[in-house]
């Protein structure tokens, strides 16, 4: 038997069969070349996307606090930290 060690999502002990999901095909990520004069515009688009994603994560965090619990809502706080 192999023992797995990591950070738990909740307290307690569980036993059972593990399911290992292996993706054999890695999706292709398209590459787009831009001109030097387009760099500033693309950076602004990226910053706008970060801002919008952060606003959505804040809204979800606040809603989760109201409708669930602060502990449950912390996943959205973690998303904000990553952003």
PDB file of N, CA and C in Angstrom:
ATOM      1  N   UNK A   1       0.850  -1.178   0.000  1.00  0.00           N
ATOM      2  CA  UNK A   1       0.000   0.000   0.000  1.00  0.00           C
ATOM      3  C   UNK A   1       0.893   1.238   0.000  1.00  0.00           C
ATOM      4  N   UNK A   2       0.537   2.205  -0.826  1.00  0.00           N
ATOM      5  CA  UNK A   2       1.308   3.434  -0.919  1.00  0.00           C
ATOM      6  C   UNK A   2       0.629   4.503  -0.070  1.00  0.00           C
ATOM      7  N   UNK A   3       1.396   5.196   0.752  1.00  0.00           N
ATOM      8  CA  UNK A   3       0.864   6.266   1.591  1.00  0.00           C
ATOM      9  C   UNK A   3       1.106   7.598   0.893  1.00  0.00           C
ATOM     10  N   UNK A   4       0.028   8.371   0.730  1.00  0.00           N
ATOM     11  CA  UNK A   4       0.134   9.688   0.125  1.00  0.00           C
ATOM     12  C   UNK A   4       0.119  10.739   1.224  1.00  0.00           C
ATOM     13  N   UNK A   5       0.944  11.752   1.082  1.00  0.00           N
ATOM     14  CA  UNK A   5       1.042  12.807   2.088  1.00  0.00           C
ATOM     15  C   UNK A   5       0.790  14.146   1.389  1.00  0.00           C
ATOM     16  N   UNK A   6       0.039  15.016   2.056  1.00  0.00           N
ATOM     17  CA  UNK A   6      -0.225  16.324   1.467  1.00  0.00           C
ATOM     18  C   UNK A   6      -0.981  17.202   2.434  1.00  0.00           C
ATOM     19  N   UNK A   7      -1.514  18.276   1.924  1.00  0.00           N
ATOM     20  CA  UNK A   7      -2.293  19.211   2.729  1.00  0.00           C
ATOM     21  C   UNK A   7      -3.754  18.812   2.612  1.00  0.00           C
ATOM     22  N   UNK A   8      -4.416  18.644   3.748  1.00  0.00           N
ATOM     23  CA  UNK A   8      -5.807  18.194   3.698  1.00  0.00           C
ATOM     24  C   UNK A   8      -6.757  19.352   3.421  1.00  0.00           C
ATOM     25  N   UNK A   9      -7.844  19.029   2.743  1.00  0.00           N
ATOM     26  CA  UNK A   9      -8.889  20.016   2.492  1.00  0.00           C
ATOM     27  C   UNK A   9      -9.847  20.101   3.670  1.00  0.00           C
ATOM     28  N   UNK A  10      -9.876  19.055   4.499  1.00  0.00           N
ATOM     29  CA  UNK A  10     -10.717  19.048   5.695  1.00  0.00           C
ATOM     30  C   UNK A  10     -10.117  18.060   6.683  1.00  0.00           C
ATOM     31  N   UNK A  11     -10.550  18.142   7.912  1.00  0.00           N
ATOM     32  CA  UNK A  11      -9.982  17.278   8.942  1.00  0.00           C
ATOM     33  C   UNK A  11     -10.556  15.867   8.826  1.00  0.00           C
ATOM     34  N   UNK A  12      -9.865  14.909   9.393  1.00  0.00           N
ATOM     35  CA  UNK A  12     -10.360  13.538   9.417  1.00  0.00           C
ATOM     36  C   UNK A  12      -9.482  12.602   8.620  1.00  0.00           C
ATOM     37  N   UNK A  13      -9.890  11.356   8.622  1.00  0.00           N
ATOM     38  CA  UNK A  13      -9.159  10.305   7.912  1.00  0.00           C
ATOM     39  C   UNK A  13     -10.126   9.631   6.963  1.00  0.00           C
ATOM     40  N   UNK A  14      -9.629   9.246   5.815  1.00  0.00           N
ATOM     41  CA  UNK A  14     -10.473   8.541   4.854  1.00  0.00           C
ATOM     42  C   UNK A  14      -9.676   7.390   4.262  1.00  0.00           C
ATOM     43  N   UNK A  15     -10.377   6.334   3.965  1.00  0.00           N
ATOM     44  CA  UNK A  15      -9.749   5.217   3.266  1.00  0.00           C
ATOM     45  C   UNK A  15     -10.606   4.892   2.056  1.00  0.00           C
ATOM     46  N   UNK A  16      -9.987   4.368   1.068  1.00  0.00           N
ATOM     47  CA  UNK A  16     -10.721   3.986  -0.126  1.00  0.00           C
ATOM     48  C   UNK A  16      -9.794   3.885  -1.311  1.00  0.00           C
ATOM     49  N   UNK A  17     -10.367   3.567  -2.437  1.00  0.00           N
ATOM     50  CA  UNK A  17      -9.583   3.442  -3.655  1.00  0.00           C
ATOM     51  C   UNK A  17      -9.333   4.831  -4.239  1.00  0.00           C
ATOM     52  N   UNK A  18      -8.123   5.058  -4.678  1.00  0.00           N
ATOM     53  CA  UNK A  18      -7.771   6.332  -5.306  1.00  0.00           C
ATOM     54  C   UNK A  18      -8.054   6.241  -6.792  1.00  0.00           C
ATOM     55  N   UNK A  19      -8.466   7.335  -7.356  1.00  0.00           N
ATOM     56  CA  UNK A  19      -8.693   7.424  -8.794  1.00  0.00           C
ATOM     57  C   UNK A  19      -7.643   8.353  -9.367  1.00  0.00           C
ATOM     58  N   UNK A  20      -6.891   7.870 -10.301  1.00  0.00           N
ATOM     59  CA  UNK A  20      -5.846   8.666 -10.924  1.00  0.00           C
ATOM     60  C   UNK A  20      -6.299   9.042 -12.335  1.00  0.00           C
ATOM     61  N   UNK A  21      -6.495  10.316 -12.549  1.00  0.00           N
ATOM     62  CA  UNK A  21      -6.944  10.818 -13.849  1.00  0.00           C
ATOM     63  C   UNK A  21      -5.731  11.302 -14.614  1.00  0.00           C
ATOM     64  N   UNK A  22      -5.451  10.648 -15.715  1.00  0.00           N
ATOM     65  CA  UNK A  22      -4.296  11.010 -16.527  1.00  0.00           C
ATOM     66  C   UNK A  22      -4.792  11.526 -17.876  1.00  0.00           C
ATOM     67  N   UNK A  23      -4.384  12.728 -18.193  1.00  0.00           N
ATOM     68  CA  UNK A  23      -4.723  13.305 -19.491  1.00  0.00           C
ATOM     69  C   UNK A  23      -3.577  12.983 -20.438  1.00  0.00           C
ATOM     70  N   UNK A  24      -3.880  12.216 -21.465  1.00  0.00           N
ATOM     71  CA  UNK A  24      -2.833  11.791 -22.390  1.00  0.00           C
ATOM     72  C   UNK A  24      -2.513  12.863 -23.425  1.00  0.00           C
ATOM     73  N   UNK A  25      -3.525  13.635 -23.756  1.00  0.00           N
ATOM     74  CA  UNK A  25      -3.304  14.669 -24.751  1.00  0.00           C
ATOM     75  C   UNK A  25      -3.319  16.038 -24.087  1.00  0.00           C
ATOM     76  N   UNK A  26      -2.268  16.771 -24.269  1.00  0.00           N
ATOM     77  CA  UNK A  26      -2.184  18.122 -23.721  1.00  0.00           C
ATOM     78  C   UNK A  26      -2.778  19.066 -24.755  1.00  0.00           C
ATOM     79  N   UNK A  27      -3.767  19.864 -24.336  1.00  0.00           N
ATOM     80  CA  UNK A  27      -4.364  20.775 -25.320  1.00  0.00           C
ATOM     81  C   UNK A  27      -3.323  21.754 -25.859  1.00  0.00           C
ATOM     82  N   UNK A  28      -3.453  22.042 -27.123  1.00  0.00           N
ATOM     83  CA  UNK A  28      -2.510  22.961 -27.760  1.00  0.00           C
ATOM     84  C   UNK A  28      -2.865  24.397 -27.396  1.00  0.00           C
ATOM     85  N   UNK A  29      -1.869  25.144 -27.049  1.00  0.00           N
ATOM     86  CA  UNK A  29      -2.051  26.560 -26.734  1.00  0.00           C
ATOM     87  C   UNK A  29      -1.579  27.351 -27.945  1.00  0.00           C
ATOM     88  N   UNK A  30      -2.487  28.124 -28.481  1.00  0.00           N
ATOM     89  CA  UNK A  30      -2.130  28.876 -29.681  1.00  0.00           C
ATOM     90  C   UNK A  30      -1.193  30.031 -29.328  1.00  0.00           C
ATOM     91  N   UNK A  31      -0.335  30.324 -30.235  1.00  0.00           N
ATOM     92  CA  UNK A  31       0.609  31.443 -30.077  1.00  0.00           C
ATOM     93  C   UNK A  31       0.265  32.494 -31.112  1.00  0.00           C
ATOM     94  N   UNK A  32       0.277  33.723 -30.647  1.00  0.00           N
ATOM     95  CA  UNK A  32       0.008  34.837 -31.548  1.00  0.00           C
ATOM     96  C   UNK A  32       1.168  35.810 -31.441  1.00  0.00           C
ATOM     97  N   UNK A  33       1.761  36.120 -32.558  1.00  0.00           N
ATOM     98  CA  UNK A  33       2.845  37.097 -32.578  1.00  0.00           C
ATOM     99  C   UNK A  33       2.243  38.488 -32.731  1.00  0.00           C
ATOM    100  N   UNK A  34       2.766  39.417 -31.955  1.00  0.00           N
ATOM    101  CA  UNK A  34       2.307  40.797 -32.067  1.00  0.00           C
ATOM    102  C   UNK A  34       3.502  41.691 -32.401  1.00  0.00           C
ATOM    103  N   UNK A  35       3.182  42.827 -32.921  1.00  0.00           N
ATOM    104  CA  UNK A  35       4.225  43.792 -33.263  1.00  0.00           C
ATOM    105  C   UNK A  35       4.612  44.587 -32.020  1.00  0.00           C
ATOM    106  N   UNK A  36       5.787  45.172 -32.060  1.00  0.00           N
ATOM    107  CA  UNK A  36       6.263  45.942 -30.912  1.00  0.00           C
ATOM    108  C   UNK A  36       5.307  47.062 -30.526  1.00  0.00           C
ATOM    109  N   UNK A  37       4.680  47.678 -31.501  1.00  0.00           N
ATOM    110  CA  UNK A  37       3.776  48.784 -31.178  1.00  0.00           C
ATOM    111  C   UNK A  37       2.440  48.304 -30.604  1.00  0.00           C
ATOM    112  N   UNK A  38       2.224  46.992 -30.545  1.00  0.00           N
ATOM    113  CA  UNK A  38       0.994  46.437 -29.970  1.00  0.00           C
ATOM    114  C   UNK A  38       1.176  45.969 -28.528  1.00  0.00           C
ATOM    115  N   UNK A  39       2.403  45.984 -28.043  1.00  0.00           N
ATOM    116  CA  UNK A  39       2.700  45.463 -26.711  1.00  0.00           C
ATOM    117  C   UNK A  39       1.941  46.225 -25.621  1.00  0.00           C
ATOM    118  N   UNK A  40       1.979  47.539 -25.644  1.00  0.00           N
ATOM    119  CA  UNK A  40       1.296  48.330 -24.608  1.00  0.00           C
ATOM    120  C   UNK A  40      -0.205  48.038 -24.574  1.00  0.00           C
ATOM    121  N   UNK A  41      -0.805  47.910 -25.748  1.00  0.00           N
ATOM    122  CA  UNK A  41      -2.238  47.611 -25.821  1.00  0.00           C
ATOM    123  C   UNK A  41      -2.530  46.243 -25.218  1.00  0.00           C
ATOM    124  N   UNK A  42      -1.685  45.268 -25.507  1.00  0.00           N
ATOM    125  CA  UNK A  42      -1.884  43.917 -24.973  1.00  0.00           C
ATOM    126  C   UNK A  42      -1.689  43.883 -23.456  1.00  0.00           C
ATOM    127  N   UNK A  43      -0.734  44.647 -22.956  1.00  0.00           N
ATOM    128  CA  UNK A  43      -0.527  44.721 -21.504  1.00  0.00           C
ATOM    129  C   UNK A  43      -1.750  45.339 -20.840  1.00  0.00           C
ATOM    130  N   UNK A  44      -2.311  46.370 -21.443  1.00  0.00           N
ATOM    131  CA  UNK A  44      -3.524  46.990 -20.897  1.00  0.00           C
ATOM    132  C   UNK A  44      -4.689  46.005 -20.905  1.00  0.00           C
ATOM    133  N   UNK A  45      -4.814  45.201 -21.968  1.00  0.00           N
ATOM    134  CA  UNK A  45      -5.870  44.180 -22.025  1.00  0.00           C
ATOM    135  C   UNK A  45      -5.688  43.157 -20.908  1.00  0.00           C
ATOM    136  N   UNK A  46      -4.439  42.739 -20.665  1.00  0.00           N
ATOM    137  CA  UNK A  46      -4.144  41.783 -19.603  1.00  0.00           C
ATOM    138  C   UNK A  46      -4.490  42.356 -18.233  1.00  0.00           C
ATOM    139  N   UNK A  47      -4.087  43.602 -17.996  1.00  0.00           N
ATOM    140  CA  UNK A  47      -4.391  44.255 -16.725  1.00  0.00           C
ATOM    141  C   UNK A  47      -5.894  44.400 -16.519  1.00  0.00           C
ATOM    142  N   UNK A  48      -6.630  44.707 -17.590  1.00  0.00           N
ATOM    143  CA  UNK A  48      -8.088  44.817 -17.506  1.00  0.00           C
ATOM    144  C   UNK A  48      -8.707  43.453 -17.180  1.00  0.00           C
ATOM    145  N   UNK A  49      -8.161  42.400 -17.754  1.00  0.00           N
ATOM    146  CA  UNK A  49      -8.666  41.049 -17.479  1.00  0.00           C
ATOM    147  C   UNK A  49      -8.409  40.676 -16.024  1.00  0.00           C
ATOM    148  N   UNK A  50      -7.222  41.007 -15.496  1.00  0.00           N
ATOM    149  CA  UNK A  50      -6.929  40.759 -14.083  1.00  0.00           C
ATOM    150  C   UNK A  50      -7.907  41.515 -13.187  1.00  0.00           C
ATOM    151  N   UNK A  51      -8.149  42.768 -13.526  1.00  0.00           N
ATOM    152  CA  UNK A  51      -9.049  43.601 -12.730  1.00  0.00           C
ATOM    153  C   UNK A  51     -10.461  43.015 -12.716  1.00  0.00           C
ATOM    154  N   UNK A  52     -10.947  42.622 -13.884  1.00  0.00           N
ATOM    155  CA  UNK A  52     -12.290  42.049 -13.971  1.00  0.00           C
ATOM    156  C   UNK A  52     -12.377  40.731 -13.194  1.00  0.00           C
ATOM    157  N   UNK A  53     -11.375  39.887 -13.336  1.00  0.00           N
ATOM    158  CA  UNK A  53     -11.358  38.613 -12.614  1.00  0.00           C
ATOM    159  C   UNK A  53     -11.330  38.845 -11.107  1.00  0.00           C
ATOM    160  N   UNK A  54     -10.568  39.832 -10.655  1.00  0.00           N
ATOM    161  CA  UNK A  54     -10.496  40.148  -9.224  1.00  0.00           C
ATOM    162  C   UNK A  54     -11.839  40.655  -8.714  1.00  0.00           C
ATOM    163  N   UNK A  55     -12.510  41.489  -9.497  1.00  0.00           N
ATOM    164  CA  UNK A  55     -13.830  41.987  -9.097  1.00  0.00           C
ATOM    165  C   UNK A  55     -14.815  40.830  -8.960  1.00  0.00           C
ATOM    166  N   UNK A  56     -14.793  39.910  -9.908  1.00  0.00           N
ATOM    167  CA  UNK A  56     -15.693  38.761  -9.852  1.00  0.00           C
ATOM    168  C   UNK A  56     -15.375  37.875  -8.650  1.00  0.00           C
ATOM    169  N   UNK A  57     -14.092  37.657  -8.370  1.00  0.00           N
ATOM    170  CA  UNK A  57     -13.700  36.832  -7.220  1.00  0.00           C
ATOM    171  C   UNK A  57     -14.116  37.503  -5.914  1.00  0.00           C
ATOM    172  N   UNK A  58     -13.984  38.839  -5.822  1.00  0.00           N
ATOM    173  CA  UNK A  58     -14.434  39.562  -4.614  1.00  0.00           C
ATOM    174  C   UNK A  58     -15.937  39.407  -4.416  1.00  0.00           C
ATOM    175  N   UNK A  59     -16.701  39.549  -5.517  1.00  0.00           N
ATOM    176  CA  UNK A  59     -18.154  39.396  -5.428  1.00  0.00           C
ATOM    177  C   UNK A  59     -18.530  37.983  -4.982  1.00  0.00           C
ATOM    178  N   UNK A  60     -17.864  36.989  -5.546  1.00  0.00           N
ATOM    179  CA  UNK A  60     -18.139  35.603  -5.151  1.00  0.00           C
ATOM    180  C   UNK A  60     -17.759  35.362  -3.690  1.00  0.00           C
ATOM    181  N   UNK A  61     -16.644  35.953  -3.265  1.00  0.00           N
ATOM    182  CA  UNK A  61     -16.202  35.816  -1.873  1.00  0.00           C
ATOM    183  C   UNK A  61     -17.243  36.397  -0.924  1.00  0.00           C
ATOM    184  N   UNK A  62     -17.696  37.605  -1.213  1.00  0.00           N
ATOM    185  CA  UNK A  62     -18.705  38.249  -0.352  1.00  0.00           C
ATOM    186  C   UNK A  62     -20.013  37.458  -0.337  1.00  0.00           C
ATOM    187  N   UNK A  63     -20.424  36.969  -1.494  1.00  0.00           N
ATOM    188  CA  UNK A  63     -21.661  36.179  -1.566  1.00  0.00           C
ATOM    189  C   UNK A  63     -21.515  34.875  -0.787  1.00  0.00           C
ATOM    190  N   UNK A  64     -20.366  34.221  -0.922  1.00  0.00           N
ATOM    191  CA  UNK A  64     -20.133  32.966  -0.201  1.00  0.00           C
ATOM    192  C   UNK A  64     -20.134  33.187   1.313  1.00  0.00           C
ATOM    193  N   UNK A  65     -19.587  34.321   1.770  1.00  0.00           N
ATOM    194  CA  UNK A  65     -19.619  34.630   3.206  1.00  0.00           C
ATOM    195  C   UNK A  65     -21.065  34.750   3.673  1.00  0.00           C
ATOM    196  N   UNK A  66     -21.894  35.454   2.882  1.00  0.00           N
ATOM    197  CA  UNK A  66     -23.303  35.648   3.255  1.00  0.00           C
ATOM    198  C   UNK A  66     -24.088  34.339   3.234  1.00  0.00           C
ATOM    199  N   UNK A  67     -23.859  33.528   2.198  1.00  0.00           N
ATOM    200  CA  UNK A  67     -24.701  32.363   1.981  1.00  0.00           C
ATOM    201  C   UNK A  67     -24.133  31.067   2.548  1.00  0.00           C
ATOM    202  N   UNK A  68     -22.835  31.035   2.828  1.00  0.00           N
ATOM    203  CA  UNK A  68     -22.233  29.813   3.354  1.00  0.00           C
ATOM    204  C   UNK A  68     -21.502  30.158   4.654  1.00  0.00           C
ATOM    205  N   UNK A  69     -20.194  30.206   4.588  1.00  0.00           N
ATOM    206  CA  UNK A  69     -19.396  30.563   5.765  1.00  0.00           C
ATOM    207  C   UNK A  69     -18.100  31.199   5.292  1.00  0.00           C
ATOM    208  N   UNK A  70     -17.419  31.862   6.221  1.00  0.00           N
ATOM    209  CA  UNK A  70     -16.141  32.473   5.865  1.00  0.00           C
ATOM    210  C   UNK A  70     -15.144  31.405   5.426  1.00  0.00           C
ATOM    211  N   UNK A  71     -15.168  30.269   6.116  1.00  0.00           N
ATOM    212  CA  UNK A  71     -14.240  29.196   5.759  1.00  0.00           C
ATOM    213  C   UNK A  71     -14.488  28.714   4.330  1.00  0.00           C
ATOM    214  N   UNK A  72     -15.750  28.573   3.957  1.00  0.00           N
ATOM    215  CA  UNK A  72     -16.079  28.146   2.594  1.00  0.00           C
ATOM    216  C   UNK A  72     -15.701  29.227   1.581  1.00  0.00           C
ATOM    217  N   UNK A  73     -15.813  30.474   1.988  1.00  0.00           N
ATOM    218  CA  UNK A  73     -15.535  31.592   1.091  1.00  0.00           C
ATOM    219  C   UNK A  73     -14.041  31.809   0.870  1.00  0.00           C
ATOM    220  N   UNK A  74     -13.218  31.237   1.721  1.00  0.00           N
ATOM    221  CA  UNK A  74     -11.781  31.476   1.632  1.00  0.00           C
ATOM    222  C   UNK A  74     -11.166  31.002   0.321  1.00  0.00           C
ATOM    223  N   UNK A  75     -11.826  30.087  -0.391  1.00  0.00           N
ATOM    224  CA  UNK A  75     -11.294  29.661  -1.677  1.00  0.00           C
ATOM    225  C   UNK A  75     -11.213  30.846  -2.642  1.00  0.00           C
ATOM    226  N   UNK A  76     -12.193  31.751  -2.530  1.00  0.00           N
ATOM    227  CA  UNK A  76     -12.175  32.928  -3.413  1.00  0.00           C
ATOM    228  C   UNK A  76     -11.120  33.926  -2.968  1.00  0.00           C
ATOM    229  N   UNK A  77     -10.838  33.968  -1.678  1.00  0.00           N
ATOM    230  CA  UNK A  77      -9.734  34.801  -1.179  1.00  0.00           C
ATOM    231  C   UNK A  77      -8.417  34.276  -1.740  1.00  0.00           C
ATOM    232  N   UNK A  78      -8.286  32.960  -1.823  1.00  0.00           N
ATOM    233  CA  UNK A  78      -7.083  32.367  -2.397  1.00  0.00           C
ATOM    234  C   UNK A  78      -6.964  32.719  -3.884  1.00  0.00           C
ATOM    235  N   UNK A  79      -8.097  32.709  -4.593  1.00  0.00           N
ATOM    236  CA  UNK A  79      -8.084  33.110  -5.997  1.00  0.00           C
ATOM    237  C   UNK A  79      -7.600  34.549  -6.148  1.00  0.00           C
ATOM    238  N   UNK A  80      -8.061  35.411  -5.248  1.00  0.00           N
ATOM    239  CA  UNK A  80      -7.619  36.809  -5.286  1.00  0.00           C
ATOM    240  C   UNK A  80      -6.121  36.915  -5.069  1.00  0.00           C
ATOM    241  N   UNK A  81      -5.590  36.130  -4.147  1.00  0.00           N
ATOM    242  CA  UNK A  81      -4.148  36.170  -3.883  1.00  0.00           C
ATOM    243  C   UNK A  81      -3.368  35.743  -5.124  1.00  0.00           C
ATOM    244  N   UNK A  82      -3.883  34.750  -5.848  1.00  0.00           N
ATOM    245  CA  UNK A  82      -3.198  34.306  -7.055  1.00  0.00           C
ATOM    246  C   UNK A  82      -3.230  35.360  -8.151  1.00  0.00           C
ATOM    247  N   UNK A  83      -4.365  36.072  -8.215  1.00  0.00           N
ATOM    248  CA  UNK A  83      -4.473  37.151  -9.208  1.00  0.00           C
ATOM    249  C   UNK A  83      -3.512  38.271  -8.865  1.00  0.00           C
TER     250      UNK A  83
END
